[in-house]
Amino acid sequence: MRIALIGYGKMGKSIEAIGKSRGHEISFIIDQNNQDEINSISPDNTDIAIEFSQPDSAYNNIITLLTNGVKTVAGTTGWLDKYDEVVKLCNDKNGTFLYASNFSIGVNLFFELNEWLAKKMAQLEGFEVKMEEIHHIHKKDAPSGTAITLAEGIMNQNSSKNDWVNELTNDPSKIGIASIREGEVPGTHSVHYDSPLESIEIKHIAHDRKVFAEGVIKVAEWATNETGILSIKDFLNQD
C-alpha cells in the first residue's frame, strides 16, 4: 500500500514507522515546509492519504485530496463544522473518506460502552454526568474530538441533554467537559455519573500514542478496498 502522510508531527512519524513495519510504502510526506506538494498526490502514485495535520489546514487538505480522487483517512480534529461539505464532495466524486476522532480500537469500544451506560443512566433519577479529558501540552484544540464524540453519544441516549460546554457546569441540560493539558499524556478520557449516594465512572487511558497509529494503519488497509463515506463502526463490523 502506498501511503501519503499529511502532517509529520509525532503522530505522523509514528504512523510512518508502523506503516513501514507492516510492509507499506510512504509515497509523500507533506508538512508546513512543502504544503504545495499535496497537489501532486493522485491515485497514480498513492493508494490512500492519511491526514493528521492541524485544525486550520485539515479541511483544505481533505478537499484537495478528494478533488484529486485520493482515498483519504482523517484524524485531525477541530474542522468538523465543514464536515457536510466534505461528505458532499466525496459523494460527488464517488470517492472514499473516513474521519474518526480516535483510531484506538479500545476507544471505539469505549464509545459503545458509553452509549450503553448513557441509555441506562437516563432511566435513573438523581445522577448528573460530567466528563474529563487529559492530553499533552501540545494539543491545540479543546475539548478533544474524542470527548466531543463521547458527549454526542450521551446526548443520543439522553434527551434531557442538548449540548456540551468546555467547562464544568450546573446546567442540567448541558454536559460539562473539563479539559486538562499536562506533560506528554497521550490521552485519558473519563465519564462520571454522580448522585448524593454513589458514583459510576468509566475511563479509557492510552499509554502510548502508537495505539492510535496502529489503528490508523489497520483502518487504512481496509479502506483502500472501500468506497463512500466510512466510519470506524464500519471497520469494526466488517465480516
Protein backbone atom coordinates (compact mmCIF):
# COMPACT_ATOMS: atom_id res chain seq x y z
CA MET A 1 0.00 0.00 0.00
CA ARG A 2 1.30 3.45 -0.95
CA ILE A 3 0.53 5.98 1.79
CA ALA A 4 0.70 9.77 1.62
CA LEU A 5 1.22 11.27 5.07
CA ILE A 6 -0.33 14.70 5.53
CA GLY A 7 1.16 16.09 8.71
CA TYR A 8 4.52 14.98 10.05
CA GLY A 9 4.43 15.65 13.75
CA LYS A 10 4.76 12.98 16.40
CA MET A 11 1.64 11.22 15.18
CA GLY A 12 2.76 11.32 11.54
CA LYS A 13 6.15 9.89 12.41
CA SER A 14 4.53 7.11 14.43
CA ILE A 15 2.20 6.27 11.53
CA GLU A 16 5.20 6.21 9.19
CA ALA A 17 7.10 3.77 11.41
CA ILE A 18 4.19 1.38 11.85
CA GLY A 19 3.24 1.60 8.18
CA LYS A 20 6.75 0.65 7.11
CA SER A 21 6.86 -2.15 9.68
CA ARG A 22 3.75 -3.61 8.03
CA GLY A 23 5.36 -3.51 4.59
CA HIS A 24 3.83 -0.31 3.23
CA GLU A 25 5.48 2.44 1.18
CA ILE A 26 5.34 6.14 2.06
CA SER A 27 4.68 7.95 -1.22
CA PHE A 28 4.58 11.52 0.16
CA ILE A 29 5.26 13.31 3.41
CA ILE A 30 3.54 16.70 3.50
CA ASP A 31 4.13 19.25 6.24
CA GLN A 32 4.31 23.03 6.52
CA ASN A 33 7.57 23.18 4.58
CA ASN A 34 6.22 21.58 1.38
CA GLN A 35 2.47 22.16 1.57
CA ASP A 36 2.12 22.80 -2.17
CA GLU A 37 3.24 19.26 -2.97
CA ILE A 38 -0.13 17.96 -1.80
CA ASN A 39 -1.40 18.92 -5.26
CA SER A 40 0.84 16.22 -6.76
CA ILE A 41 -0.82 13.38 -4.84
CA SER A 42 -3.07 11.28 -7.06
CA PRO A 43 -4.31 7.69 -7.42
CA ASP A 44 -1.43 7.14 -9.86
CA ASN A 45 1.14 7.41 -7.07
CA THR A 46 -0.84 6.90 -3.85
CA ASP A 47 -3.36 4.31 -2.65
CA ILE A 48 -4.53 6.28 0.37
CA ALA A 49 -3.76 9.51 2.21
CA ILE A 50 -3.69 9.77 5.99
CA GLU A 51 -4.42 13.29 7.23
CA PHE A 52 -3.08 14.28 10.65
CA SER A 53 -2.12 17.92 10.29
CA GLN A 54 -3.59 20.92 12.16
CA PRO A 55 -7.20 22.09 12.60
CA ASP A 56 -6.62 25.21 10.48
CA SER A 57 -5.29 23.27 7.48
CA ALA A 58 -7.12 19.93 7.65
CA TYR A 59 -10.25 20.97 5.74
CA ASN A 60 -8.32 22.37 2.74
CA ASN A 61 -6.06 19.31 2.71
CA ILE A 62 -9.03 16.95 2.65
CA ILE A 63 -10.77 18.93 -0.11
CA THR A 64 -7.61 18.83 -2.23
CA LEU A 65 -7.14 15.09 -1.76
CA LEU A 66 -10.75 14.20 -2.55
CA THR A 67 -10.79 16.55 -5.54
CA ASN A 68 -7.73 14.68 -6.85
CA GLY A 69 -9.53 11.37 -6.37
CA VAL A 70 -7.35 10.19 -3.48
CA LYS A 71 -8.91 7.95 -0.84
CA THR A 72 -8.48 9.69 2.50
CA VAL A 73 -8.48 8.76 6.17
CA ALA A 74 -8.50 11.76 8.51
CA GLY A 75 -7.87 12.07 12.23
CA THR A 76 -7.34 15.80 12.61
CA THR A 77 -10.00 17.39 14.81
CA GLY A 78 -11.28 20.94 15.02
CA TRP A 79 -12.72 21.35 11.49
CA LEU A 80 -15.99 19.42 11.73
CA ASP A 81 -18.21 22.46 11.17
CA LYS A 82 -17.43 21.80 7.47
CA TYR A 83 -17.92 18.03 7.58
CA ASP A 84 -21.09 18.15 5.45
CA GLU A 85 -19.17 19.88 2.66
CA VAL A 86 -16.59 17.08 2.67
CA VAL A 87 -19.36 14.46 2.55
CA LYS A 88 -20.95 16.16 -0.46
CA LEU A 89 -17.65 16.40 -2.35
CA CYS A 90 -16.78 12.78 -1.57
CA ASN A 91 -20.15 11.59 -2.85
CA ASP A 92 -19.94 13.81 -5.95
CA LYS A 93 -16.52 12.33 -6.74
CA ASN A 94 -17.58 8.77 -5.85
CA GLY A 95 -14.61 8.86 -3.52
CA THR A 96 -13.62 7.33 -0.20
CA PHE A 97 -13.41 9.23 3.06
CA LEU A 98 -13.23 8.18 6.69
CA TYR A 99 -12.99 10.53 9.64
CA ALA A 100 -12.58 9.37 13.22
CA SER A 101 -11.90 11.37 16.34
CA ASN A 102 -9.89 8.43 17.66
CA PHE A 103 -8.43 5.38 15.91
CA SER A 104 -7.76 3.30 19.02
CA ILE A 105 -9.81 0.11 18.85
CA GLY A 106 -10.19 0.30 22.63
CA VAL A 107 -11.58 3.84 22.47
CA ASN A 108 -14.13 2.84 19.86
CA LEU A 109 -15.32 0.03 22.11
CA PHE A 110 -15.40 2.67 24.87
CA PHE A 111 -17.74 4.75 22.67
CA GLU A 112 -20.15 1.81 22.51
CA LEU A 113 -19.93 1.25 26.27
CA ASN A 114 -20.54 4.98 26.82
CA GLU A 115 -23.80 4.92 24.85
CA TRP A 116 -24.98 1.75 26.58
CA LEU A 117 -24.34 3.30 30.00
CA ALA A 118 -25.92 6.63 28.99
CA LYS A 119 -29.12 4.83 27.98
CA LYS A 120 -29.28 3.06 31.34
CA MET A 121 -28.48 6.19 33.36
CA ALA A 122 -31.13 8.23 31.53
CA GLN A 123 -33.73 5.98 33.19
CA LEU A 124 -32.49 6.80 36.70
CA GLU A 125 -33.13 9.86 38.83
CA GLY A 126 -30.59 11.74 40.90
CA PHE A 127 -27.48 11.30 38.72
CA GLU A 128 -25.61 14.07 36.94
CA VAL A 129 -22.99 13.43 34.27
CA LYS A 130 -19.69 15.22 33.69
CA MET A 131 -16.59 14.44 31.67
CA GLU A 132 -12.85 14.98 31.82
CA GLU A 133 -10.19 14.70 29.14
CA ILE A 134 -6.43 14.98 29.71
CA HIS A 135 -3.87 15.41 26.92
CA HIS A 136 -0.30 16.55 26.35
CA ILE A 137 0.51 20.25 26.37
CA HIS A 138 0.99 20.33 22.57
CA LYS A 139 -2.66 19.57 21.77
CA LYS A 140 -4.22 22.76 20.43
CA ASP A 141 -7.95 22.02 20.35
CA ALA A 142 -10.19 21.60 23.39
CA PRO A 143 -12.18 19.65 24.17
CA SER A 144 -10.70 16.73 22.27
CA GLY A 145 -12.57 15.20 19.35
CA THR A 146 -12.86 12.03 21.40
CA ALA A 147 -14.54 13.93 24.24
CA ILE A 148 -16.98 15.51 21.80
CA THR A 149 -17.82 12.07 20.39
CA LEU A 150 -18.47 10.82 23.93
CA ALA A 151 -20.70 13.80 24.69
CA GLU A 152 -22.65 13.28 21.47
CA GLY A 153 -23.10 9.62 22.40
CA ILE A 154 -24.61 10.62 25.73
CA MET A 155 -26.95 13.12 24.06
CA ASN A 156 -28.07 10.43 21.61
CA GLN A 157 -29.28 8.36 24.56
CA ASN A 158 -30.48 11.07 26.97
CA SER A 159 -33.00 13.61 25.65
CA SER A 160 -32.52 15.85 28.71
CA LYS A 161 -29.02 16.74 27.49
CA ASN A 162 -28.97 19.07 24.48
CA ASP A 163 -25.40 20.39 24.33
CA TRP A 164 -21.91 20.23 25.82
CA VAL A 165 -19.75 23.02 27.22
CA ASN A 166 -15.98 23.07 27.69
CA GLU A 167 -16.20 23.61 31.44
CA LEU A 168 -17.92 22.01 34.36
CA THR A 169 -21.48 23.29 34.74
CA ASN A 170 -24.55 23.07 36.95
CA ASP A 171 -26.89 23.46 33.97
CA PRO A 172 -28.85 20.16 33.88
CA SER A 173 -29.33 20.42 30.11
CA LYS A 174 -25.60 20.59 29.40
CA ILE A 175 -22.72 18.12 29.65
CA GLY A 176 -19.69 19.74 31.24
CA ILE A 177 -16.28 18.73 29.86
CA ALA A 178 -13.13 19.62 31.77
CA SER A 179 -10.05 19.81 29.52
CA ILE A 180 -6.62 19.44 31.13
CA ARG A 181 -3.28 19.81 29.35
CA GLU A 182 -0.25 18.39 31.14
CA GLY A 183 3.08 16.79 30.28
CA GLU A 184 3.11 14.28 27.44
CA VAL A 185 -0.14 12.45 28.28
CA PRO A 186 -1.28 10.57 25.13
CA GLY A 187 -4.93 10.75 26.11
CA THR A 188 -7.20 9.96 29.06
CA HIS A 189 -10.99 10.25 28.89
CA SER A 190 -13.47 9.66 31.68
CA VAL A 191 -17.23 9.91 32.08
CA HIS A 192 -18.59 10.38 35.61
CA TYR A 193 -22.13 9.89 36.89
CA ASP A 194 -22.61 11.24 40.41
CA SER A 195 -25.51 11.14 42.85
CA PRO A 196 -25.58 12.03 46.54
CA LEU A 197 -25.31 8.31 47.38
CA GLU A 198 -22.95 6.80 44.79
CA SER A 199 -20.84 7.39 41.69
CA ILE A 200 -20.13 5.50 38.48
CA GLU A 201 -17.08 6.19 36.32
CA ILE A 202 -15.85 4.73 33.05
CA LYS A 203 -12.40 5.61 31.76
CA HIS A 204 -10.05 4.94 28.86
CA ILE A 205 -6.32 5.55 29.25
CA ALA A 206 -3.94 5.50 26.28
CA HIS A 207 -0.45 4.56 27.45
CA ASP A 208 1.33 5.18 24.13
CA ARG A 209 0.37 7.15 21.02
CA LYS A 210 1.36 4.07 18.99
CA VAL A 211 -2.09 2.66 19.76
CA PHE A 212 -3.59 5.41 17.57
CA ALA A 213 -1.06 4.96 14.76
CA GLU A 214 -1.56 1.21 14.64
CA GLY A 215 -5.33 1.72 14.46
CA VAL A 216 -4.96 4.24 11.61
CA ILE A 217 -2.87 1.85 9.53
CA LYS A 218 -5.29 -1.04 10.04
CA VAL A 219 -8.24 1.16 9.09
CA ALA A 220 -6.38 2.49 6.03
CA GLU A 221 -5.56 -1.05 4.89
CA TRP A 222 -9.27 -1.84 4.96
CA ALA A 223 -10.43 1.48 3.44
CA THR A 224 -8.33 1.08 0.30
CA ASN A 225 -10.86 -1.52 -0.85
CA GLU A 226 -13.95 0.51 0.08
CA THR A 227 -15.91 3.40 -1.44
CA GLY A 228 -18.06 6.11 0.09
CA ILE A 229 -18.30 7.80 3.49
CA LEU A 230 -16.94 5.31 6.01
CA SER A 231 -16.74 5.12 9.78
CA ILE A 232 -14.85 3.19 12.41
CA LYS A 233 -18.07 1.30 13.10
CA ASP A 234 -17.99 0.03 9.50
CA PHE A 235 -14.46 -1.21 10.11
CA LEU A 236 -15.31 -2.89 13.41
CA ASN A 237 -18.46 -4.51 11.99
CA GLN A 238 -16.90 -5.95 8.84
CA ASP A 239 -17.46 -9.65 8.26
